[in-house]
PDB file of all heavy atoms in Angstrom:
ATOM      1  N   LYS A   1       4.810   4.360   8.132  1.00  0.00           N
ATOM      2  CA  LYS A   1       5.762   5.276   8.733  1.00  0.00           C
ATOM      3  C   LYS A   1       6.745   4.645   9.692  1.00  0.00           C
ATOM      4  O   LYS A   1       7.905   4.891   9.745  1.00  0.00           O
ATOM      5  CB  LYS A   1       5.067   6.432   9.395  1.00  0.00           C
ATOM      6  CG  LYS A   1       4.381   7.367   8.361  1.00  0.00           C
ATOM      7  CD  LYS A   1       3.648   8.455   9.183  1.00  0.00           C
ATOM      8  CE  LYS A   1       3.079   9.445   8.187  1.00  0.00           C
ATOM      9  NZ  LYS A   1       2.373  10.636   8.832  1.00  0.00           N
ATOM     10  N   THR A   2       6.255   3.679  10.505  1.00  0.00           N
ATOM     11  CA  THR A   2       7.045   2.982  11.487  1.00  0.00           C
ATOM     12  C   THR A   2       8.070   2.063  10.670  1.00  0.00           C
ATOM     13  O   THR A   2       9.263   2.105  11.051  1.00  0.00           O
ATOM     14  CB  THR A   2       6.190   2.032  12.388  1.00  0.00           C
ATOM     15  OG1 THR A   2       5.280   2.922  13.075  1.00  0.00           O
ATOM     16  CG2 THR A   2       7.083   1.217  13.365  1.00  0.00           C
ATOM     17  N   MET A   3       7.604   1.352   9.743  1.00  0.00           N
ATOM     18  CA  MET A   3       8.572   0.461   8.959  1.00  0.00           C
ATOM     19  C   MET A   3       9.473   1.263   8.070  1.00  0.00           C
ATOM     20  O   MET A   3      10.605   0.803   7.825  1.00  0.00           O
ATOM     21  CB  MET A   3       7.693  -0.540   8.138  1.00  0.00           C
ATOM     22  CG  MET A   3       6.922  -1.594   8.945  1.00  0.00           C
ATOM     23  SD  MET A   3       7.932  -2.401  10.227  1.00  0.00           S
ATOM     24  CE  MET A   3       9.205  -3.159   9.230  1.00  0.00           C
ATOM     25  N   ASN A   4       9.170   2.511   7.714  1.00  0.00           N
ATOM     26  CA  ASN A   4      10.184   3.341   7.010  1.00  0.00           C
ATOM     27  C   ASN A   4      11.402   3.544   7.774  1.00  0.00           C
ATOM     28  O   ASN A   4      12.498   3.664   7.269  1.00  0.00           O
ATOM     29  CB  ASN A   4       9.586   4.722   6.610  1.00  0.00           C
ATOM     30  CG  ASN A   4       8.658   4.629   5.382  1.00  0.00           C
ATOM     31  OD1 ASN A   4       8.583   3.572   4.668  1.00  0.00           O
ATOM     32  ND2 ASN A   4       7.840   5.582   5.246  1.00  0.00           N
ATOM     33  N   LYS A   5      11.249   3.545   9.103  1.00  0.00           N
ATOM     34  CA  LYS A   5      12.327   3.800  10.014  1.00  0.00           C
ATOM     35  C   LYS A   5      13.179   2.520  10.304  1.00  0.00           C
ATOM     36  O   LYS A   5      14.355   2.661  10.670  1.00  0.00           O
ATOM     37  CB  LYS A   5      11.839   4.349  11.371  1.00  0.00           C
ATOM     38  CG  LYS A   5      11.170   5.725  11.206  1.00  0.00           C
ATOM     39  CD  LYS A   5      10.646   6.174  12.547  1.00  0.00           C
ATOM     40  CE  LYS A   5       9.719   7.471  12.391  1.00  0.00           C
ATOM     41  NZ  LYS A   5       8.853   7.711  13.497  1.00  0.00           N
ATOM     42  N   GLN A   6      12.514   1.369  10.259  1.00  0.00           N
ATOM     43  CA  GLN A   6      13.267   0.189  10.656  1.00  0.00           C
ATOM     44  C   GLN A   6      13.306  -0.944   9.572  1.00  0.00           C
ATOM     45  O   GLN A   6      13.867  -2.027   9.920  1.00  0.00           O
ATOM     46  CB  GLN A   6      12.624  -0.393  11.977  1.00  0.00           C
ATOM     47  CG  GLN A   6      11.194  -0.835  11.871  1.00  0.00           C
ATOM     48  CD  GLN A   6      10.612  -1.203  13.203  1.00  0.00           C
ATOM     49  OE1 GLN A   6      10.546  -0.410  14.140  1.00  0.00           O
ATOM     50  NE2 GLN A   6      10.408  -2.523  13.462  1.00  0.00           N
ATOM     51  N   GLY A   7      12.783  -0.707   8.432  1.00  0.00           N
ATOM     52  CA  GLY A   7      12.789  -1.695   7.434  1.00  0.00           C
ATOM     53  C   GLY A   7      11.892  -1.409   6.235  1.00  0.00           C
ATOM     54  O   GLY A   7      11.930  -0.249   5.778  1.00  0.00           O
ATOM     55  N   SER A   8      11.052  -2.364   5.870  1.00  0.00           N
ATOM     56  CA  SER A   8      10.126  -2.139   4.728  1.00  0.00           C
ATOM     57  C   SER A   8       8.824  -2.836   4.979  1.00  0.00           C
ATOM     58  O   SER A   8       8.675  -3.687   5.886  1.00  0.00           O
ATOM     59  CB  SER A   8      10.684  -2.738   3.455  1.00  0.00           C
ATOM     60  OG  SER A   8      10.880  -4.126   3.528  1.00  0.00           O
ATOM     61  N   MET A   9       7.852  -2.344   4.280  1.00  0.00           N
ATOM     62  CA  MET A   9       6.459  -2.852   4.449  1.00  0.00           C
ATOM     63  C   MET A   9       5.910  -3.111   3.046  1.00  0.00           C
ATOM     64  O   MET A   9       6.097  -2.294   2.161  1.00  0.00           O
ATOM     65  CB  MET A   9       5.574  -1.911   5.211  1.00  0.00           C
ATOM     66  CG  MET A   9       4.211  -2.473   5.414  1.00  0.00           C
ATOM     67  SD  MET A   9       3.071  -1.369   6.352  1.00  0.00           S
ATOM     68  CE  MET A   9       2.185  -0.621   5.039  1.00  0.00           C
ATOM     69  N   LYS A  10       5.252  -4.230   2.907  1.00  0.00           N
ATOM     70  CA  LYS A  10       4.571  -4.589   1.563  1.00  0.00           C
ATOM     71  C   LYS A  10       3.131  -4.944   1.848  1.00  0.00           C
ATOM     72  O   LYS A  10       2.865  -5.537   2.970  1.00  0.00           O
ATOM     73  CB  LYS A  10       5.314  -5.734   0.906  1.00  0.00           C
ATOM     74  CG  LYS A  10       6.668  -5.416   0.540  1.00  0.00           C
ATOM     75  CD  LYS A  10       7.339  -6.703  -0.084  1.00  0.00           C
ATOM     76  CE  LYS A  10       8.764  -6.274  -0.468  1.00  0.00           C
ATOM     77  NZ  LYS A  10       9.736  -7.197  -0.046  1.00  0.00           N
ATOM     78  N   VAL A  11       2.311  -4.644   1.004  1.00  0.00           N
ATOM     79  CA  VAL A  11       0.860  -5.059   1.128  1.00  0.00           C
ATOM     80  C   VAL A  11       0.658  -5.991  -0.027  1.00  0.00           C
ATOM     81  O   VAL A  11       0.855  -5.776  -1.271  1.00  0.00           O
ATOM     82  CB  VAL A  11      -0.122  -3.844   0.943  1.00  0.00           C
ATOM     83  CG1 VAL A  11      -1.539  -4.235   1.071  1.00  0.00           C
ATOM     84  CG2 VAL A  11       0.260  -2.691   1.898  1.00  0.00           C
ATOM     85  N   ALA A  12       0.218  -7.260   0.319  1.00  0.00           N
ATOM     86  CA  ALA A  12       0.090  -8.311  -0.551  1.00  0.00           C
ATOM     87  C   ALA A  12      -1.320  -8.732  -0.804  1.00  0.00           C
ATOM     88  O   ALA A  12      -2.180  -8.591   0.027  1.00  0.00           O
ATOM     89  CB  ALA A  12       0.929  -9.574  -0.181  1.00  0.00           C
ATOM     90  N   ASN A  13      -1.557  -9.369  -2.070  1.00  0.00           N
ATOM     91  CA  ASN A  13      -2.920  -9.922  -2.412  1.00  0.00           C
ATOM     92  C   ASN A  13      -4.053  -8.953  -2.228  1.00  0.00           C
ATOM     93  O   ASN A  13      -5.057  -9.302  -1.685  1.00  0.00           O
ATOM     94  CB  ASN A  13      -3.101 -11.222  -1.472  1.00  0.00           C
ATOM     95  CG  ASN A  13      -1.979 -12.106  -1.728  1.00  0.00           C
ATOM     96  OD1 ASN A  13      -1.529 -12.503  -2.701  1.00  0.00           O
ATOM     97  ND2 ASN A  13      -1.544 -12.718  -0.549  1.00  0.00           N
ATOM     98  N   VAL A  14      -3.887  -7.752  -2.782  1.00  0.00           N
ATOM     99  CA  VAL A  14      -4.956  -6.769  -2.671  1.00  0.00           C
ATOM    100  C   VAL A  14      -6.051  -6.998  -3.724  1.00  0.00           C
ATOM    101  O   VAL A  14      -5.689  -7.150  -4.913  1.00  0.00           O
ATOM    102  CB  VAL A  14      -4.346  -5.314  -2.839  1.00  0.00           C
ATOM    103  CG1 VAL A  14      -5.474  -4.315  -2.818  1.00  0.00           C
ATOM    104  CG2 VAL A  14      -3.284  -5.083  -1.722  1.00  0.00           C
ATOM    105  N   ASN A  15      -7.351  -7.048  -3.332  1.00  0.00           N
ATOM    106  CA  ASN A  15      -8.358  -7.320  -4.286  1.00  0.00           C
ATOM    107  C   ASN A  15      -8.713  -6.004  -4.967  1.00  0.00           C
ATOM    108  O   ASN A  15      -8.280  -4.891  -4.616  1.00  0.00           O
ATOM    109  CB  ASN A  15      -9.604  -7.957  -3.617  1.00  0.00           C
ATOM    110  CG  ASN A  15     -10.293  -7.069  -2.648  1.00  0.00           C
ATOM    111  OD1 ASN A  15     -10.305  -5.825  -2.745  1.00  0.00           O
ATOM    112  ND2 ASN A  15     -10.786  -7.665  -1.578  1.00  0.00           N
ATOM    113  N   ASP A  16      -9.528  -6.062  -5.935  1.00  0.00           N
ATOM    114  CA  ASP A  16      -9.916  -4.901  -6.859  1.00  0.00           C
ATOM    115  C   ASP A  16     -10.569  -3.774  -6.009  1.00  0.00           C
ATOM    116  O   ASP A  16     -10.296  -2.625  -6.221  1.00  0.00           O
ATOM    117  CB  ASP A  16     -10.833  -5.323  -8.055  1.00  0.00           C
ATOM    118  CG  ASP A  16     -10.087  -6.139  -9.019  1.00  0.00           C
ATOM    119  OD1 ASP A  16      -8.858  -6.158  -9.059  1.00  0.00           O
ATOM    120  OD2 ASP A  16     -10.739  -6.852  -9.811  1.00  0.00           O
ATOM    121  N   THR A  17     -11.344  -4.158  -5.087  1.00  0.00           N
ATOM    122  CA  THR A  17     -12.170  -3.173  -4.237  1.00  0.00           C
ATOM    123  C   THR A  17     -11.304  -2.381  -3.407  1.00  0.00           C
ATOM    124  O   THR A  17     -11.271  -1.165  -3.384  1.00  0.00           O
ATOM    125  CB  THR A  17     -13.165  -3.934  -3.336  1.00  0.00           C
ATOM    126  OG1 THR A  17     -14.117  -4.726  -4.128  1.00  0.00           O
ATOM    127  CG2 THR A  17     -14.019  -2.945  -2.583  1.00  0.00           C
ATOM    128  N   VAL A  18     -10.254  -3.043  -2.669  1.00  0.00           N
ATOM    129  CA  VAL A  18      -9.364  -2.328  -1.833  1.00  0.00           C
ATOM    130  C   VAL A  18      -8.317  -1.688  -2.757  1.00  0.00           C
ATOM    131  O   VAL A  18      -7.954  -0.464  -2.336  1.00  0.00           O
ATOM    132  CB  VAL A  18      -8.605  -3.395  -0.950  1.00  0.00           C
ATOM    133  CG1 VAL A  18      -7.556  -2.646  -0.099  1.00  0.00           C
ATOM    134  CG2 VAL A  18      -9.624  -4.046   0.047  1.00  0.00           C
ATOM    135  N   MET A  19      -7.901  -2.130  -3.840  1.00  0.00           N
ATOM    136  CA  MET A  19      -7.006  -1.440  -4.731  1.00  0.00           C
ATOM    137  C   MET A  19      -7.606  -0.120  -5.251  1.00  0.00           C
ATOM    138  O   MET A  19      -6.955   0.891  -5.300  1.00  0.00           O
ATOM    139  CB  MET A  19      -6.584  -2.318  -5.906  1.00  0.00           C
ATOM    140  CG  MET A  19      -5.385  -1.758  -6.670  1.00  0.00           C
ATOM    141  SD  MET A  19      -3.937  -1.740  -5.619  1.00  0.00           S
ATOM    142  CE  MET A  19      -2.934  -0.555  -6.536  1.00  0.00           C
ATOM    143  N   GLU A  20      -8.922  -0.176  -5.540  1.00  0.00           N
ATOM    144  CA  GLU A  20      -9.510   1.041  -5.995  1.00  0.00           C
ATOM    145  C   GLU A  20      -9.557   2.130  -4.946  1.00  0.00           C
ATOM    146  O   GLU A  20      -9.284   3.332  -5.175  1.00  0.00           O
ATOM    147  CB  GLU A  20     -10.963   0.742  -6.383  1.00  0.00           C
ATOM    148  CG  GLU A  20     -11.668   1.929  -7.008  1.00  0.00           C
ATOM    149  CD  GLU A  20     -13.117   1.572  -7.518  1.00  0.00           C
ATOM    150  OE1 GLU A  20     -13.418   0.357  -7.802  1.00  0.00           O
ATOM    151  OE2 GLU A  20     -13.999   2.516  -7.606  1.00  0.00           O
ATOM    152  N   ILE A  21      -9.762   1.712  -3.676  1.00  0.00           N
ATOM    153  CA  ILE A  21      -9.640   2.638  -2.548  1.00  0.00           C
ATOM    154  C   ILE A  21      -8.296   3.198  -2.384  1.00  0.00           C
ATOM    155  O   ILE A  21      -8.072   4.403  -2.218  1.00  0.00           O
ATOM    156  CB  ILE A  21     -10.094   1.941  -1.235  1.00  0.00           C
ATOM    157  CG1 ILE A  21     -11.620   1.595  -1.279  1.00  0.00           C
ATOM    158  CG2 ILE A  21      -9.824   2.824  -0.001  1.00  0.00           C
ATOM    159  CD1 ILE A  21     -12.148   0.650  -0.156  1.00  0.00           C
ATOM    160  N   PHE A  22      -7.178   2.321  -2.562  1.00  0.00           N
ATOM    161  CA  PHE A  22      -5.819   2.807  -2.523  1.00  0.00           C
ATOM    162  C   PHE A  22      -5.584   3.799  -3.629  1.00  0.00           C
ATOM    163  O   PHE A  22      -4.874   4.828  -3.448  1.00  0.00           O
ATOM    164  CB  PHE A  22      -4.896   1.589  -2.716  1.00  0.00           C
ATOM    165  CG  PHE A  22      -4.706   0.787  -1.446  1.00  0.00           C
ATOM    166  CD1 PHE A  22      -3.973  -0.380  -1.575  1.00  0.00           C
ATOM    167  CD2 PHE A  22      -5.221   1.149  -0.218  1.00  0.00           C
ATOM    168  CE1 PHE A  22      -3.656  -1.210  -0.399  1.00  0.00           C
ATOM    169  CE2 PHE A  22      -5.010   0.292   0.926  1.00  0.00           C
ATOM    170  CZ  PHE A  22      -4.272  -0.858   0.819  1.00  0.00           C
ATOM    171  N   GLU A  23      -6.074   3.573  -4.863  1.00  0.00           N
ATOM    172  CA  GLU A  23      -5.833   4.430  -6.061  1.00  0.00           C
ATOM    173  C   GLU A  23      -6.522   5.828  -5.752  1.00  0.00           C
ATOM    174  O   GLU A  23      -5.961   6.916  -6.016  1.00  0.00           O
ATOM    175  CB  GLU A  23      -6.320   3.758  -7.313  1.00  0.00           C
ATOM    176  CG  GLU A  23      -5.379   2.670  -7.677  1.00  0.00           C
ATOM    177  CD  GLU A  23      -5.902   1.830  -8.792  1.00  0.00           C
ATOM    178  OE1 GLU A  23      -7.069   2.058  -9.234  1.00  0.00           O
ATOM    179  OE2 GLU A  23      -5.109   0.927  -9.276  1.00  0.00           O
ATOM    180  N   VAL A  24      -7.812   5.823  -5.280  1.00  0.00           N
ATOM    181  CA  VAL A  24      -8.622   7.047  -5.082  1.00  0.00           C
ATOM    182  C   VAL A  24      -8.000   7.875  -4.008  1.00  0.00           C
ATOM    183  O   VAL A  24      -7.907   9.149  -4.131  1.00  0.00           O
ATOM    184  CB  VAL A  24     -10.054   6.741  -4.770  1.00  0.00           C
ATOM    185  CG1 VAL A  24     -10.819   7.941  -4.279  1.00  0.00           C
ATOM    186  CG2 VAL A  24     -10.783   6.038  -5.982  1.00  0.00           C
ATOM    187  N   THR A  25      -7.469   7.297  -2.927  1.00  0.00           N
ATOM    188  CA  THR A  25      -6.868   8.008  -1.859  1.00  0.00           C
ATOM    189  C   THR A  25      -5.430   8.356  -2.017  1.00  0.00           C
ATOM    190  O   THR A  25      -4.909   9.065  -1.175  1.00  0.00           O
ATOM    191  CB  THR A  25      -7.012   7.164  -0.511  1.00  0.00           C
ATOM    192  OG1 THR A  25      -6.396   5.948  -0.728  1.00  0.00           O
ATOM    193  CG2 THR A  25      -8.477   6.961  -0.201  1.00  0.00           C
ATOM    194  N   GLY A  26      -4.827   7.861  -3.013  1.00  0.00           N
ATOM    195  CA  GLY A  26      -3.370   8.088  -3.298  1.00  0.00           C
ATOM    196  C   GLY A  26      -2.435   7.119  -2.572  1.00  0.00           C
ATOM    197  O   GLY A  26      -1.234   7.220  -2.637  1.00  0.00           O
ATOM    198  N   PHE A  27      -3.045   6.146  -1.773  1.00  0.00           N
ATOM    199  CA  PHE A  27      -2.151   5.187  -1.053  1.00  0.00           C
ATOM    200  C   PHE A  27      -1.416   4.271  -2.038  1.00  0.00           C
ATOM    201  O   PHE A  27      -0.383   3.756  -1.675  1.00  0.00           O
ATOM    202  CB  PHE A  27      -3.105   4.380  -0.106  1.00  0.00           C
ATOM    203  CG  PHE A  27      -3.288   4.927   1.245  1.00  0.00           C
ATOM    204  CD1 PHE A  27      -3.941   6.185   1.387  1.00  0.00           C
ATOM    205  CD2 PHE A  27      -2.757   4.334   2.338  1.00  0.00           C
ATOM    206  CE1 PHE A  27      -4.069   6.760   2.649  1.00  0.00           C
ATOM    207  CE2 PHE A  27      -2.955   4.887   3.624  1.00  0.00           C
ATOM    208  CZ  PHE A  27      -3.662   6.206   3.777  1.00  0.00           C
ATOM    209  N   ALA A  28      -1.899   4.097  -3.226  1.00  0.00           N
ATOM    210  CA  ALA A  28      -1.307   3.354  -4.204  1.00  0.00           C
ATOM    211  C   ALA A  28       0.013   3.781  -4.508  1.00  0.00           C
ATOM    212  O   ALA A  28       1.024   3.040  -4.865  1.00  0.00           O
ATOM    213  CB  ALA A  28      -2.079   3.113  -5.487  1.00  0.00           C
ATOM    214  N   ASP A  29       0.239   5.094  -4.362  1.00  0.00           N
ATOM    215  CA  ASP A  29       1.454   5.786  -4.630  1.00  0.00           C
ATOM    216  C   ASP A  29       2.524   5.664  -3.507  1.00  0.00           C
ATOM    217  O   ASP A  29       3.724   5.825  -3.795  1.00  0.00           O
ATOM    218  CB  ASP A  29       1.343   7.213  -5.007  1.00  0.00           C
ATOM    219  CG  ASP A  29       0.453   7.460  -6.264  1.00  0.00           C
ATOM    220  OD1 ASP A  29       0.519   6.561  -7.165  1.00  0.00           O
ATOM    221  OD2 ASP A  29      -0.280   8.488  -6.303  1.00  0.00           O
ATOM    222  N   ILE A  30       2.059   5.521  -2.308  1.00  0.00           N
ATOM    223  CA  ILE A  30       2.999   5.493  -1.166  1.00  0.00           C
ATOM    224  C   ILE A  30       3.234   4.082  -0.547  1.00  0.00           C
ATOM    225  O   ILE A  30       4.198   3.964   0.149  1.00  0.00           O
ATOM    226  CB  ILE A  30       2.488   6.444  -0.055  1.00  0.00           C
ATOM    227  CG1 ILE A  30       1.091   6.073   0.522  1.00  0.00           C
ATOM    228  CG2 ILE A  30       2.541   7.954  -0.477  1.00  0.00           C
ATOM    229  CD1 ILE A  30       0.707   6.854   1.692  1.00  0.00           C
ATOM    230  N   LEU A  31       2.363   3.155  -0.924  1.00  0.00           N
ATOM    231  CA  LEU A  31       2.525   1.756  -0.400  1.00  0.00           C
ATOM    232  C   LEU A  31       3.164   0.909  -1.516  1.00  0.00           C
ATOM    233  O   LEU A  31       2.965   1.100  -2.690  1.00  0.00           O
ATOM    234  CB  LEU A  31       1.180   1.159  -0.103  1.00  0.00           C
ATOM    235  CG  LEU A  31       0.341   1.811   1.076  1.00  0.00           C
ATOM    236  CD1 LEU A  31      -0.939   1.117   1.168  1.00  0.00           C
ATOM    237  CD2 LEU A  31       1.150   1.803   2.351  1.00  0.00           C
ATOM    238  N   THR A  32       3.868  -0.143  -1.049  1.00  0.00           N
ATOM    239  CA  THR A  32       4.365  -1.082  -1.981  1.00  0.00           C
ATOM    240  C   THR A  32       3.415  -2.241  -2.013  1.00  0.00           C
ATOM    241  O   THR A  32       3.229  -2.993  -1.036  1.00  0.00           O
ATOM    242  CB  THR A  32       5.803  -1.669  -1.479  1.00  0.00           C
ATOM    243  OG1 THR A  32       6.642  -0.537  -1.349  1.00  0.00           O
ATOM    244  CG2 THR A  32       6.380  -2.607  -2.426  1.00  0.00           C
ATOM    245  N   VAL A  33       2.636  -2.350  -3.141  1.00  0.00           N
ATOM    246  CA  VAL A  33       1.679  -3.320  -3.371  1.00  0.00           C
ATOM    247  C   VAL A  33       2.228  -4.423  -4.215  1.00  0.00           C
ATOM    248  O   VAL A  33       2.598  -4.194  -5.314  1.00  0.00           O
ATOM    249  CB  VAL A  33       0.394  -2.716  -3.903  1.00  0.00           C
ATOM    250  CG1 VAL A  33      -0.761  -3.774  -4.007  1.00  0.00           C
ATOM    251  CG2 VAL A  33      -0.124  -1.572  -3.068  1.00  0.00           C
ATOM    252  N   ILE A  34       2.147  -5.636  -3.679  1.00  0.00           N
ATOM    253  CA  ILE A  34       2.734  -6.785  -4.409  1.00  0.00           C
ATOM    254  C   ILE A  34       1.631  -7.802  -4.723  1.00  0.00           C
ATOM    255  O   ILE A  34       0.660  -7.753  -4.088  1.00  0.00           O
ATOM    256  CB  ILE A  34       3.938  -7.505  -3.717  1.00  0.00           C
ATOM    257  CG1 ILE A  34       3.567  -7.906  -2.360  1.00  0.00           C
ATOM    258  CG2 ILE A  34       5.062  -6.508  -3.687  1.00  0.00           C
ATOM    259  CD1 ILE A  34       4.448  -8.870  -1.607  1.00  0.00           C
TER     260      ILE A  34
END
């Protein structure tokens, strides 16, 4: 939310465990995962 106001944010090198948590919680849809 902070970076939406002043630039951009990316989440890099996400492993399968964390990615699964992002997908289940919907964070995969709102974060830029590279």
